[in-house]
Amino acid sequence: MTSFNQLAIPRREFRFDPVGPLEFLTSQRYLALAEELYLKVGEAFAKMNSGKYVEIVLTGAIGTAKTTLAIWTTAYQVYLLACLREPQKTFGIDRSSEILFVFQSLNATLAKQVNYDRFRSLIQTSPFFTDYFPFDTKINTECIFPSRILVRPVSGQESAAIGQNVFGGLMDEVNFMEVTEKSAKADDGGEYNQAIALYNSLSRRRKSRFMHKGKLPDV
């Protein structure tokens, strides 16, 4: 099963038949991770990308592949969009509009060094992406794929993705984000919770831009 199934997108809107999540991870055509894939991590990835979830919270100890799973999932979501003939048309937005994935952390530097750089390195070794859906390697600050699909590290501010068509992304290090009592950043002057504020900002953008027949794309 591939994700996007719950959106009931007609077959005619795809230019490639999407492969399932485990084939995407293991096949030499895609990420070629078969030799380094732990069984439980592969099972978690398949479940995350089964089409049953629109958001996922990953918790656990250091070294339990939380960030790795999130990066792989972003790659799979970009791949699924690459399989569409006209992704903007499918989701009812202007053809000139970007479709954006964001990597957000405590600050832009961490978002880039911890998550974005790993994602970029992963994609650069994939035959599918290098041959059929390459990003512009001359630009280091973001990955710009065909069909105006972008992957970008952003700062830890609510305004970091303002006015942009956020399709999905990754919030990292939320345990270390700011929580301040009686903060001027809170509308009512009460508690400001950076993680909640960032989540609400991204969630609103996904719902306002990419709700499709009453449903959101998964993760």
N, C-alpha and C. Protein backbone atom coordinates (compact mmCIF):
# COMPACT_ATOMS: atom_id res chain seq x y z
N MET A 1 0.85 -1.20 0.00
CA MET A 1 0.00 0.00 0.00
C MET A 1 0.88 1.24 0.00
N THR A 2 0.55 2.21 -0.81
CA THR A 2 1.26 3.49 -0.78
C THR A 2 0.40 4.54 -0.11
N SER A 3 1.04 5.57 0.45
CA SER A 3 0.26 6.66 1.01
C SER A 3 -0.35 7.48 -0.11
N PHE A 4 -1.20 8.42 0.27
CA PHE A 4 -2.09 9.18 -0.62
C PHE A 4 -3.34 8.37 -0.95
N ASN A 5 -3.38 7.07 -0.55
CA ASN A 5 -4.56 6.25 -0.87
C ASN A 5 -5.83 6.84 -0.30
N GLN A 6 -5.73 7.41 0.92
CA GLN A 6 -6.94 7.92 1.56
C GLN A 6 -7.48 9.16 0.85
N LEU A 7 -6.70 9.75 -0.05
CA LEU A 7 -7.16 10.93 -0.77
C LEU A 7 -7.93 10.57 -2.03
N ALA A 8 -7.91 9.31 -2.41
CA ALA A 8 -8.63 8.84 -3.60
C ALA A 8 -8.26 9.64 -4.85
N ILE A 9 -6.96 9.82 -5.07
CA ILE A 9 -6.48 10.52 -6.26
C ILE A 9 -6.61 9.58 -7.45
N PRO A 10 -7.25 9.99 -8.53
CA PRO A 10 -7.43 9.11 -9.69
C PRO A 10 -6.09 8.68 -10.29
N ARG A 11 -6.05 7.45 -10.79
CA ARG A 11 -4.83 6.91 -11.38
C ARG A 11 -4.31 7.79 -12.53
N ARG A 12 -5.19 8.40 -13.27
CA ARG A 12 -4.77 9.21 -14.43
C ARG A 12 -3.92 10.41 -14.03
N GLU A 13 -3.95 10.79 -12.75
CA GLU A 13 -3.16 11.94 -12.31
C GLU A 13 -1.71 11.57 -11.98
N PHE A 14 -1.38 10.28 -12.06
CA PHE A 14 -0.02 9.83 -11.79
C PHE A 14 0.72 9.55 -13.10
N ARG A 15 1.97 9.96 -13.15
CA ARG A 15 2.80 9.61 -14.31
C ARG A 15 3.62 8.37 -14.04
N PHE A 16 3.89 8.07 -12.76
CA PHE A 16 4.53 6.83 -12.35
C PHE A 16 3.63 6.12 -11.35
N ASP A 17 3.63 4.79 -11.35
CA ASP A 17 2.94 4.04 -10.31
C ASP A 17 3.82 4.05 -9.06
N PRO A 18 3.37 4.66 -7.97
CA PRO A 18 4.22 4.73 -6.77
C PRO A 18 4.50 3.35 -6.18
N VAL A 19 5.71 3.13 -5.74
CA VAL A 19 6.05 1.89 -5.04
C VAL A 19 5.73 2.07 -3.56
N GLY A 20 5.63 0.96 -2.85
CA GLY A 20 5.35 1.01 -1.43
C GLY A 20 6.54 1.50 -0.63
N PRO A 21 6.33 1.83 0.64
CA PRO A 21 7.40 2.42 1.46
C PRO A 21 8.63 1.54 1.62
N LEU A 22 8.45 0.23 1.83
CA LEU A 22 9.62 -0.62 2.03
C LEU A 22 10.42 -0.79 0.74
N GLU A 23 9.75 -0.88 -0.40
CA GLU A 23 10.48 -0.94 -1.66
C GLU A 23 11.24 0.36 -1.89
N PHE A 24 10.64 1.47 -1.52
CA PHE A 24 11.32 2.76 -1.66
C PHE A 24 12.60 2.80 -0.83
N LEU A 25 12.55 2.24 0.37
CA LEU A 25 13.73 2.23 1.24
C LEU A 25 14.82 1.31 0.73
N THR A 26 14.43 0.13 0.24
CA THR A 26 15.41 -0.92 0.01
C THR A 26 15.89 -1.06 -1.44
N SER A 27 15.06 -0.69 -2.41
CA SER A 27 15.41 -0.89 -3.81
C SER A 27 16.60 -0.03 -4.23
N GLN A 28 17.46 -0.59 -5.07
CA GLN A 28 18.59 0.15 -5.60
C GLN A 28 18.14 1.34 -6.45
N ARG A 29 16.93 1.31 -6.94
CA ARG A 29 16.40 2.40 -7.76
C ARG A 29 16.08 3.63 -6.92
N TYR A 30 15.83 3.42 -5.63
CA TYR A 30 15.39 4.53 -4.76
C TYR A 30 16.45 4.83 -3.69
N LEU A 31 16.25 4.42 -2.45
CA LEU A 31 17.22 4.80 -1.41
C LEU A 31 18.30 3.75 -1.13
N ALA A 32 18.07 2.51 -1.57
CA ALA A 32 19.10 1.45 -1.47
C ALA A 32 19.64 1.27 -0.05
N LEU A 33 18.73 1.16 0.91
CA LEU A 33 19.12 1.06 2.32
C LEU A 33 18.96 -0.34 2.89
N ALA A 34 18.81 -1.34 2.03
CA ALA A 34 18.51 -2.70 2.50
C ALA A 34 19.56 -3.23 3.47
N GLU A 35 20.83 -2.97 3.21
CA GLU A 35 21.89 -3.55 4.03
C GLU A 35 22.02 -2.90 5.40
N GLU A 36 21.46 -1.70 5.56
CA GLU A 36 21.58 -1.03 6.85
C GLU A 36 20.25 -0.84 7.57
N LEU A 37 19.21 -1.51 7.08
CA LEU A 37 17.87 -1.33 7.63
C LEU A 37 17.57 -2.36 8.70
N TYR A 38 17.32 -1.90 9.91
CA TYR A 38 16.87 -2.80 10.98
C TYR A 38 15.39 -3.13 10.79
N LEU A 39 15.03 -4.36 11.12
CA LEU A 39 13.67 -4.85 10.89
C LEU A 39 12.63 -3.95 11.54
N LYS A 40 12.81 -3.62 12.80
CA LYS A 40 11.82 -2.83 13.53
C LYS A 40 11.70 -1.41 12.96
N VAL A 41 12.84 -0.87 12.52
CA VAL A 41 12.80 0.47 11.92
C VAL A 41 12.04 0.43 10.60
N GLY A 42 12.29 -0.61 9.81
CA GLY A 42 11.55 -0.77 8.56
C GLY A 42 10.06 -0.94 8.79
N GLU A 43 9.70 -1.70 9.80
CA GLU A 43 8.28 -1.88 10.13
C GLU A 43 7.64 -0.56 10.54
N ALA A 44 8.37 0.22 11.34
CA ALA A 44 7.85 1.53 11.76
C ALA A 44 7.67 2.45 10.56
N PHE A 45 8.62 2.43 9.64
CA PHE A 45 8.52 3.28 8.45
C PHE A 45 7.33 2.88 7.59
N ALA A 46 7.13 1.60 7.41
CA ALA A 46 6.00 1.12 6.62
C ALA A 46 4.67 1.53 7.26
N LYS A 47 4.60 1.44 8.58
CA LYS A 47 3.37 1.82 9.28
C LYS A 47 3.14 3.32 9.18
N MET A 48 4.19 4.12 9.35
CA MET A 48 4.07 5.57 9.26
C MET A 48 3.56 6.02 7.89
N ASN A 49 3.95 5.28 6.86
CA ASN A 49 3.62 5.67 5.49
C ASN A 49 2.57 4.76 4.86
N SER A 50 1.72 4.20 5.69
CA SER A 50 0.67 3.29 5.21
C SER A 50 -0.54 4.03 4.66
N GLY A 51 -0.59 5.35 4.86
CA GLY A 51 -1.76 6.11 4.43
C GLY A 51 -2.79 6.30 5.52
N LYS A 52 -2.50 5.84 6.74
CA LYS A 52 -3.46 5.91 7.84
C LYS A 52 -3.27 7.14 8.73
N TYR A 53 -2.16 7.86 8.56
CA TYR A 53 -1.84 8.93 9.50
C TYR A 53 -1.55 10.23 8.76
N VAL A 54 -2.00 11.34 9.34
CA VAL A 54 -1.69 12.65 8.76
C VAL A 54 -0.62 13.37 9.59
N GLU A 55 -0.40 12.92 10.82
CA GLU A 55 0.64 13.47 11.67
C GLU A 55 1.20 12.35 12.54
N ILE A 56 2.47 12.45 12.86
CA ILE A 56 3.12 11.43 13.69
C ILE A 56 4.04 12.10 14.69
N VAL A 57 3.98 11.63 15.95
CA VAL A 57 4.89 12.09 16.99
C VAL A 57 5.84 10.94 17.32
N LEU A 58 7.14 11.18 17.19
CA LEU A 58 8.14 10.17 17.47
C LEU A 58 8.82 10.50 18.79
N THR A 59 8.79 9.56 19.72
CA THR A 59 9.41 9.75 21.03
C THR A 59 10.31 8.56 21.33
N GLY A 60 11.14 8.71 22.33
CA GLY A 60 12.01 7.60 22.72
C GLY A 60 13.41 8.08 23.00
N ALA A 61 14.26 7.14 23.36
CA ALA A 61 15.62 7.45 23.74
C ALA A 61 16.47 7.87 22.55
N ILE A 62 17.61 8.46 22.84
CA ILE A 62 18.58 8.80 21.80
C ILE A 62 19.01 7.53 21.07
N GLY A 63 19.08 7.58 19.77
CA GLY A 63 19.53 6.44 18.99
C GLY A 63 18.45 5.49 18.56
N THR A 64 17.17 5.89 18.70
CA THR A 64 16.06 5.02 18.30
C THR A 64 15.51 5.38 16.93
N ALA A 65 16.26 6.11 16.14
CA ALA A 65 15.96 6.38 14.72
C ALA A 65 14.80 7.35 14.50
N LYS A 66 14.53 8.20 15.48
CA LYS A 66 13.41 9.15 15.33
C LYS A 66 13.67 10.11 14.16
N THR A 67 14.80 10.77 14.18
CA THR A 67 15.12 11.72 13.11
C THR A 67 15.29 11.00 11.77
N THR A 68 15.92 9.85 11.81
CA THR A 68 16.11 9.07 10.59
C THR A 68 14.78 8.74 9.94
N LEU A 69 13.82 8.26 10.72
CA LEU A 69 12.49 7.94 10.20
C LEU A 69 11.81 9.17 9.61
N ALA A 70 11.96 10.30 10.28
CA ALA A 70 11.34 11.53 9.79
C ALA A 70 11.96 11.97 8.46
N ILE A 71 13.27 11.85 8.34
CA ILE A 71 13.95 12.23 7.10
C ILE A 71 13.55 11.29 5.96
N TRP A 72 13.54 9.99 6.24
CA TRP A 72 13.12 9.02 5.22
C TRP A 72 11.68 9.29 4.77
N THR A 73 10.83 9.61 5.74
CA THR A 73 9.43 9.87 5.40
C THR A 73 9.29 11.10 4.53
N THR A 74 10.05 12.14 4.82
CA THR A 74 10.03 13.33 3.95
C THR A 74 10.45 12.96 2.54
N ALA A 75 11.50 12.15 2.42
CA ALA A 75 11.95 11.71 1.10
C ALA A 75 10.85 10.95 0.38
N TYR A 76 10.13 10.10 1.10
CA TYR A 76 9.06 9.32 0.48
C TYR A 76 7.91 10.22 0.03
N GLN A 77 7.60 11.22 0.83
CA GLN A 77 6.52 12.14 0.45
C GLN A 77 6.90 12.96 -0.78
N VAL A 78 8.15 13.39 -0.86
CA VAL A 78 8.61 14.09 -2.07
C VAL A 78 8.51 13.15 -3.27
N TYR A 79 8.88 11.90 -3.07
CA TYR A 79 8.78 10.90 -4.15
C TYR A 79 7.34 10.75 -4.63
N LEU A 80 6.40 10.66 -3.70
CA LEU A 80 4.99 10.50 -4.09
C LEU A 80 4.50 11.70 -4.90
N LEU A 81 4.92 12.90 -4.50
CA LEU A 81 4.56 14.07 -5.29
C LEU A 81 5.21 14.02 -6.67
N ALA A 82 6.43 13.49 -6.73
CA ALA A 82 7.11 13.37 -8.02
C ALA A 82 6.37 12.43 -8.96
N CYS A 83 5.62 11.50 -8.40
CA CYS A 83 4.87 10.55 -9.23
C CYS A 83 3.62 11.18 -9.86
N LEU A 84 3.19 12.33 -9.34
CA LEU A 84 2.02 13.01 -9.90
C LEU A 84 2.39 13.79 -11.15
N ARG A 85 1.48 13.84 -12.10
CA ARG A 85 1.73 14.61 -13.32
C ARG A 85 1.77 16.11 -13.03
N GLU A 86 0.78 16.59 -12.30
CA GLU A 86 0.68 18.01 -11.97
C GLU A 86 0.24 18.14 -10.51
N PRO A 87 1.19 18.09 -9.57
CA PRO A 87 0.81 18.10 -8.15
C PRO A 87 0.01 19.32 -7.73
N GLN A 88 0.33 20.49 -8.28
CA GLN A 88 -0.44 21.68 -7.92
C GLN A 88 -1.90 21.52 -8.33
N LYS A 89 -2.13 21.02 -9.53
CA LYS A 89 -3.50 20.81 -10.01
C LYS A 89 -4.24 19.80 -9.15
N THR A 90 -3.55 18.74 -8.76
CA THR A 90 -4.18 17.71 -7.93
C THR A 90 -4.70 18.30 -6.63
N PHE A 91 -3.95 19.23 -6.05
CA PHE A 91 -4.33 19.80 -4.76
C PHE A 91 -5.01 21.16 -4.87
N GLY A 92 -5.34 21.56 -6.10
CA GLY A 92 -6.16 22.74 -6.30
C GLY A 92 -5.50 24.06 -5.99
N ILE A 93 -4.18 24.15 -6.24
CA ILE A 93 -3.49 25.42 -6.05
C ILE A 93 -2.93 25.87 -7.39
N ASP A 94 -2.56 27.13 -7.47
CA ASP A 94 -2.06 27.70 -8.72
C ASP A 94 -0.80 26.97 -9.18
N ARG A 95 -0.68 26.77 -10.50
CA ARG A 95 0.44 25.99 -11.03
C ARG A 95 1.80 26.62 -10.76
N SER A 96 1.83 27.92 -10.49
CA SER A 96 3.09 28.60 -10.21
C SER A 96 3.47 28.54 -8.74
N SER A 97 2.60 28.02 -7.90
CA SER A 97 2.84 27.98 -6.46
C SER A 97 3.83 26.89 -6.09
N GLU A 98 4.63 27.17 -5.06
CA GLU A 98 5.54 26.14 -4.55
C GLU A 98 4.77 25.17 -3.67
N ILE A 99 5.30 23.97 -3.53
CA ILE A 99 4.84 22.99 -2.55
C ILE A 99 6.04 22.74 -1.64
N LEU A 100 5.90 23.09 -0.38
CA LEU A 100 7.05 23.20 0.50
C LEU A 100 7.05 22.16 1.63
N PHE A 101 8.21 21.56 1.84
CA PHE A 101 8.49 20.77 3.03
C PHE A 101 9.49 21.56 3.88
N VAL A 102 9.24 21.65 5.17
CA VAL A 102 10.15 22.41 6.03
C VAL A 102 10.79 21.50 7.07
N PHE A 103 12.05 21.78 7.37
CA PHE A 103 12.75 21.20 8.50
C PHE A 103 12.92 22.31 9.52
N GLN A 104 12.26 22.17 10.67
CA GLN A 104 12.26 23.23 11.67
C GLN A 104 12.81 22.69 12.98
N SER A 105 13.70 23.47 13.59
CA SER A 105 14.29 23.07 14.86
C SER A 105 14.38 24.31 15.75
N LEU A 106 15.24 24.26 16.76
CA LEU A 106 15.39 25.40 17.67
C LEU A 106 15.79 26.66 16.91
N ASN A 107 16.60 26.47 15.88
CA ASN A 107 17.02 27.59 15.05
C ASN A 107 17.36 27.07 13.66
N ALA A 108 17.59 27.96 12.72
CA ALA A 108 17.83 27.56 11.33
C ALA A 108 19.13 26.77 11.18
N THR A 109 20.14 27.10 11.98
CA THR A 109 21.42 26.40 11.88
C THR A 109 21.27 24.93 12.23
N LEU A 110 20.57 24.63 13.33
CA LEU A 110 20.34 23.24 13.70
C LEU A 110 19.48 22.52 12.67
N ALA A 111 18.45 23.20 12.18
CA ALA A 111 17.57 22.58 11.18
C ALA A 111 18.36 22.17 9.95
N LYS A 112 19.32 22.99 9.57
CA LYS A 112 20.13 22.68 8.39
C LYS A 112 21.15 21.59 8.68
N GLN A 113 21.90 21.73 9.76
CA GLN A 113 23.01 20.83 10.01
C GLN A 113 22.55 19.44 10.45
N VAL A 114 21.47 19.36 11.21
CA VAL A 114 21.05 18.08 11.76
C VAL A 114 20.12 17.32 10.82
N ASN A 115 19.23 18.03 10.14
CA ASN A 115 18.20 17.35 9.35
C ASN A 115 18.33 17.57 7.84
N TYR A 116 18.38 18.82 7.44
CA TYR A 116 18.38 19.13 6.01
C TYR A 116 19.60 18.55 5.29
N ASP A 117 20.78 18.70 5.87
CA ASP A 117 21.98 18.20 5.21
C ASP A 117 21.93 16.68 5.05
N ARG A 118 21.38 15.98 6.03
CA ARG A 118 21.22 14.53 5.91
C ARG A 118 20.24 14.18 4.80
N PHE A 119 19.14 14.90 4.74
CA PHE A 119 18.16 14.67 3.69
C PHE A 119 18.79 14.89 2.31
N ARG A 120 19.48 15.97 2.16
CA ARG A 120 20.09 16.31 0.87
C ARG A 120 21.09 15.24 0.44
N SER A 121 21.93 14.79 1.37
CA SER A 121 22.91 13.76 1.07
C SER A 121 22.24 12.46 0.66
N LEU A 122 21.15 12.11 1.33
CA LEU A 122 20.39 10.89 1.02
C LEU A 122 19.83 10.93 -0.40
N ILE A 123 19.22 12.04 -0.76
CA ILE A 123 18.59 12.18 -2.07
C ILE A 123 19.62 12.17 -3.19
N GLN A 124 20.78 12.72 -2.93
CA GLN A 124 21.82 12.81 -3.96
C GLN A 124 22.35 11.46 -4.40
N THR A 125 22.12 10.42 -3.60
CA THR A 125 22.60 9.08 -3.95
C THR A 125 21.51 8.21 -4.56
N SER A 126 20.32 8.75 -4.74
CA SER A 126 19.19 7.97 -5.25
C SER A 126 19.07 8.08 -6.76
N PRO A 127 19.14 6.96 -7.50
CA PRO A 127 18.99 7.02 -8.96
C PRO A 127 17.67 7.64 -9.40
N PHE A 128 16.58 7.38 -8.69
CA PHE A 128 15.31 7.96 -9.09
C PHE A 128 15.40 9.48 -9.09
N PHE A 129 15.93 10.04 -8.01
CA PHE A 129 15.99 11.49 -7.90
C PHE A 129 17.04 12.09 -8.82
N THR A 130 18.15 11.44 -8.99
CA THR A 130 19.17 12.01 -9.86
C THR A 130 18.78 11.91 -11.34
N ASP A 131 18.06 10.84 -11.70
CA ASP A 131 17.71 10.62 -13.12
C ASP A 131 16.37 11.22 -13.52
N TYR A 132 15.37 11.16 -12.62
CA TYR A 132 14.01 11.54 -12.99
C TYR A 132 13.48 12.79 -12.27
N PHE A 133 14.02 13.09 -11.11
CA PHE A 133 13.46 14.20 -10.33
C PHE A 133 14.57 14.91 -9.55
N PRO A 134 15.55 15.45 -10.26
CA PRO A 134 16.72 16.04 -9.59
C PRO A 134 16.44 17.42 -9.03
N PHE A 135 17.10 17.75 -7.93
CA PHE A 135 17.05 19.12 -7.43
C PHE A 135 18.26 19.88 -7.95
N ASP A 136 18.20 21.19 -7.83
CA ASP A 136 19.27 22.06 -8.32
C ASP A 136 20.44 22.03 -7.34
N THR A 137 21.51 21.33 -7.69
CA THR A 137 22.64 21.16 -6.79
C THR A 137 23.48 22.42 -6.63
N LYS A 138 23.22 23.44 -7.46
CA LYS A 138 23.97 24.69 -7.35
C LYS A 138 23.49 25.53 -6.18
N ILE A 139 22.30 25.22 -5.66
CA ILE A 139 21.72 25.97 -4.55
C ILE A 139 21.85 25.15 -3.28
N ASN A 140 22.51 25.68 -2.27
CA ASN A 140 22.76 24.93 -1.04
C ASN A 140 21.74 25.18 0.06
N THR A 141 21.02 26.28 -0.02
CA THR A 141 20.15 26.67 1.08
C THR A 141 18.82 25.93 1.08
N GLU A 142 18.47 25.31 -0.04
CA GLU A 142 17.23 24.55 -0.13
C GLU A 142 17.33 23.60 -1.32
N CYS A 143 16.49 22.59 -1.33
CA CYS A 143 16.40 21.68 -2.47
C CYS A 143 15.21 22.11 -3.33
N ILE A 144 15.47 22.48 -4.56
CA ILE A 144 14.41 22.89 -5.48
C ILE A 144 14.26 21.80 -6.54
N PHE A 145 13.18 21.05 -6.45
CA PHE A 145 12.89 19.97 -7.37
C PHE A 145 12.01 20.48 -8.52
N PRO A 146 11.83 19.68 -9.56
CA PRO A 146 10.85 20.05 -10.59
C PRO A 146 9.46 20.23 -9.98
N SER A 147 8.57 20.85 -10.75
CA SER A 147 7.19 21.13 -10.31
C SER A 147 7.14 22.05 -9.09
N ARG A 148 8.22 22.81 -8.86
CA ARG A 148 8.30 23.76 -7.75
C ARG A 148 8.02 23.09 -6.40
N ILE A 149 8.59 21.92 -6.23
CA ILE A 149 8.55 21.23 -4.94
C ILE A 149 9.86 21.54 -4.23
N LEU A 150 9.77 22.11 -3.03
CA LEU A 150 10.94 22.60 -2.30
C LEU A 150 11.06 21.92 -0.94
N VAL A 151 12.30 21.70 -0.51
CA VAL A 151 12.59 21.26 0.85
C VAL A 151 13.56 22.27 1.43
N ARG A 152 13.20 22.84 2.58
CA ARG A 152 13.95 23.99 3.08
C ARG A 152 14.10 23.94 4.61
N PRO A 153 15.30 24.17 5.15
CA PRO A 153 15.44 24.34 6.60
C PRO A 153 15.02 25.76 6.98
N VAL A 154 14.30 25.89 8.08
CA VAL A 154 13.82 27.22 8.50
C VAL A 154 14.13 27.44 9.97
N SER A 155 13.98 28.67 10.39
CA SER A 155 14.27 29.03 11.78
C SER A 155 13.17 28.52 12.71
N GLY A 156 13.40 28.70 14.00
CA GLY A 156 12.43 28.28 14.99
C GLY A 156 11.41 29.35 15.33
N GLN A 157 11.10 30.20 14.38
CA GLN A 157 10.12 31.26 14.59
C GLN A 157 8.79 30.90 13.92
N GLU A 158 7.69 31.35 14.52
CA GLU A 158 6.37 31.08 13.93
C GLU A 158 6.25 31.64 12.52
N SER A 159 6.93 32.74 12.27
CA SER A 159 6.82 33.42 10.98
C SER A 159 7.71 32.80 9.90
N ALA A 160 8.46 31.75 10.24
CA ALA A 160 9.45 31.21 9.31
C ALA A 160 8.82 30.70 8.02
N ALA A 161 7.59 30.20 8.10
CA ALA A 161 6.94 29.66 6.91
C ALA A 161 5.68 30.44 6.54
N ILE A 162 5.60 31.67 7.01
CA ILE A 162 4.40 32.46 6.79
C ILE A 162 4.17 32.69 5.30
N GLY A 163 2.93 32.56 4.88
CA GLY A 163 2.56 32.81 3.50
C GLY A 163 2.98 31.74 2.52
N GLN A 164 3.47 30.59 3.01
CA GLN A 164 3.98 29.55 2.12
C GLN A 164 3.10 28.30 2.16
N ASN A 165 3.16 27.54 1.07
CA ASN A 165 2.33 26.35 0.93
C ASN A 165 3.03 25.15 1.55
N VAL A 166 2.88 24.99 2.86
CA VAL A 166 3.56 23.92 3.57
C VAL A 166 2.78 22.62 3.41
N PHE A 167 3.39 21.67 2.71
CA PHE A 167 2.78 20.35 2.50
C PHE A 167 3.07 19.41 3.66
N GLY A 168 4.29 19.51 4.20
CA GLY A 168 4.68 18.65 5.30
C GLY A 168 6.03 19.07 5.83
N GLY A 169 6.55 18.28 6.75
CA GLY A 169 7.85 18.63 7.28
C GLY A 169 8.15 17.94 8.59
N LEU A 170 9.16 18.44 9.23
CA LEU A 170 9.71 17.83 10.43
C LEU A 170 10.01 18.90 11.47
N MET A 171 9.50 18.73 12.67
CA MET A 171 9.87 19.56 13.81
C MET A 171 10.74 18.73 14.73
N ASP A 172 11.93 19.24 15.03
CA ASP A 172 12.90 18.48 15.80
C ASP A 172 13.27 19.21 17.08
N GLU A 173 13.76 18.45 18.06
CA GLU A 173 14.24 18.99 19.35
C GLU A 173 13.15 19.77 20.09
N VAL A 174 11.91 19.31 20.02
CA VAL A 174 10.82 20.06 20.64
C VAL A 174 10.94 20.09 22.17
N ASN A 175 11.60 19.08 22.74
CA ASN A 175 11.77 19.07 24.20
C ASN A 175 12.59 20.24 24.71
N PHE A 176 13.41 20.83 23.82
CA PHE A 176 14.31 21.90 24.23
C PHE A 176 13.80 23.28 23.81
N MET A 177 12.60 23.33 23.27
CA MET A 177 12.08 24.62 22.81
C MET A 177 11.59 25.47 23.97
N GLU A 178 11.49 26.73 23.71
CA GLU A 178 11.20 27.74 24.73
C GLU A 178 9.79 27.59 25.32
N VAL A 179 9.71 27.67 26.64
CA VAL A 179 8.43 27.80 27.34
C VAL A 179 8.59 28.95 28.33
N THR A 180 7.81 30.01 28.15
CA THR A 180 7.98 31.23 28.95
C THR A 180 6.66 31.68 29.54
N GLU A 181 6.64 31.92 30.85
CA GLU A 181 5.45 32.46 31.51
C GLU A 181 5.37 33.97 31.27
N LYS A 182 4.18 34.48 31.21
CA LYS A 182 3.92 35.92 31.05
C LYS A 182 4.76 36.49 29.91
N SER A 183 4.61 35.89 28.77
CA SER A 183 5.43 36.26 27.62
C SER A 183 4.72 37.23 26.70
N ALA A 184 5.46 38.21 26.19
CA ALA A 184 4.90 39.14 25.22
C ALA A 184 4.59 38.45 23.90
N LYS A 185 5.16 37.25 23.69
CA LYS A 185 4.89 36.50 22.47
C LYS A 185 3.50 35.84 22.49
N ALA A 186 2.93 35.68 23.67
CA ALA A 186 1.59 35.09 23.79
C ALA A 186 0.54 36.17 23.58
N ASP A 187 -0.51 35.87 22.85
CA ASP A 187 -1.54 36.86 22.55
C ASP A 187 -2.18 37.43 23.81
N ASP A 188 -2.31 36.58 24.84
CA ASP A 188 -2.96 37.03 26.07
C ASP A 188 -1.96 37.41 27.15
N GLY A 189 -0.68 37.44 26.78
CA GLY A 189 0.34 37.77 27.77
C GLY A 189 0.62 36.65 28.74
N GLY A 190 0.10 35.45 28.47
CA GLY A 190 0.32 34.31 29.35
C GLY A 190 1.52 33.49 28.93
N GLU A 191 1.37 32.17 28.99
CA GLU A 191 2.49 31.28 28.67
C GLU A 191 2.70 31.20 27.16
N TYR A 192 3.96 31.25 26.76
CA TYR A 192 4.34 31.03 25.37
C TYR A 192 5.09 29.72 25.28
N ASN A 193 4.57 28.80 24.48
CA ASN A 193 5.20 27.51 24.27
C ASN A 193 5.62 27.44 22.80
N GLN A 194 6.92 27.50 22.57
CA GLN A 194 7.44 27.58 21.20
C GLN A 194 7.00 26.37 20.37
N ALA A 195 7.08 25.17 20.93
CA ALA A 195 6.74 23.96 20.18
C ALA A 195 5.28 23.97 19.74
N ILE A 196 4.39 24.35 20.65
CA ILE A 196 2.97 24.40 20.31
C ILE A 196 2.69 25.48 19.27
N ALA A 197 3.36 26.63 19.43
CA ALA A 197 3.16 27.72 18.47
C ALA A 197 3.62 27.32 17.07
N LEU A 198 4.77 26.64 16.97
CA LEU A 198 5.28 26.22 15.67
C LEU A 198 4.37 25.15 15.06
N TYR A 199 3.95 24.21 15.90
CA TYR A 199 3.06 23.16 15.40
C TYR A 199 1.76 23.77 14.86
N ASN A 200 1.16 24.66 15.61
CA ASN A 200 -0.10 25.27 15.16
C ASN A 200 0.08 26.04 13.86
N SER A 201 1.20 26.72 13.73
CA SER A 201 1.46 27.48 12.51
C SER A 201 1.57 26.57 11.30
N LEU A 202 2.34 25.49 11.42
CA LEU A 202 2.49 24.55 10.30
C LEU A 202 1.20 23.82 10.01
N SER A 203 0.49 23.42 11.05
CA SER A 203 -0.76 22.69 10.86
C SER A 203 -1.80 23.54 10.12
N ARG A 204 -1.89 24.81 10.49
CA ARG A 204 -2.84 25.70 9.81
C ARG A 204 -2.51 25.82 8.33
N ARG A 205 -1.24 25.91 8.02
CA ARG A 205 -0.84 26.07 6.61
C ARG A 205 -1.15 24.81 5.80
N ARG A 206 -0.93 23.66 6.40
CA ARG A 206 -1.27 22.41 5.70
C ARG A 206 -2.77 22.34 5.42
N LYS A 207 -3.56 22.66 6.42
CA LYS A 207 -5.01 22.53 6.27
C LYS A 207 -5.57 23.55 5.30
N SER A 208 -5.02 24.75 5.29
CA SER A 208 -5.56 25.79 4.42
C SER A 208 -5.17 25.59 2.97
N ARG A 209 -4.02 24.92 2.74
CA ARG A 209 -3.52 24.77 1.37
C ARG A 209 -3.82 23.40 0.76
N PHE A 210 -3.79 22.34 1.56
CA PHE A 210 -3.76 21.00 0.97
C PHE A 210 -4.87 20.07 1.44
N MET A 211 -5.92 20.60 2.01
CA MET A 211 -7.07 19.77 2.31
C MET A 211 -7.67 19.32 0.98
N HIS A 212 -7.81 18.01 0.79
CA HIS A 212 -8.27 17.45 -0.49
C HIS A 212 -9.49 16.59 -0.21
N LYS A 213 -10.66 17.08 -0.64
CA LYS A 213 -11.92 16.37 -0.42
C LYS A 213 -12.12 16.04 1.07
N GLY A 214 -11.78 17.04 1.89
CA GLY A 214 -11.98 16.89 3.33
C GLY A 214 -10.90 16.13 4.06
N LYS A 215 -9.83 15.75 3.35
CA LYS A 215 -8.76 14.98 3.99
C LYS A 215 -7.41 15.62 3.68
N LEU A 216 -6.46 15.38 4.60
CA LEU A 216 -5.09 15.87 4.42
C LEU A 216 -4.19 14.74 3.94
N PRO A 217 -3.14 15.09 3.16
CA PRO A 217 -2.13 14.10 2.85
C PRO A 217 -1.48 13.59 4.13
N ASP A 218 -1.07 12.33 4.15
CA ASP A 218 -0.49 11.80 5.38
C ASP A 218 0.90 12.34 5.61
N VAL A 219 1.25 12.38 6.88
CA VAL A 219 2.53 12.90 7.40
C VAL A 219 3.17 13.89 6.45
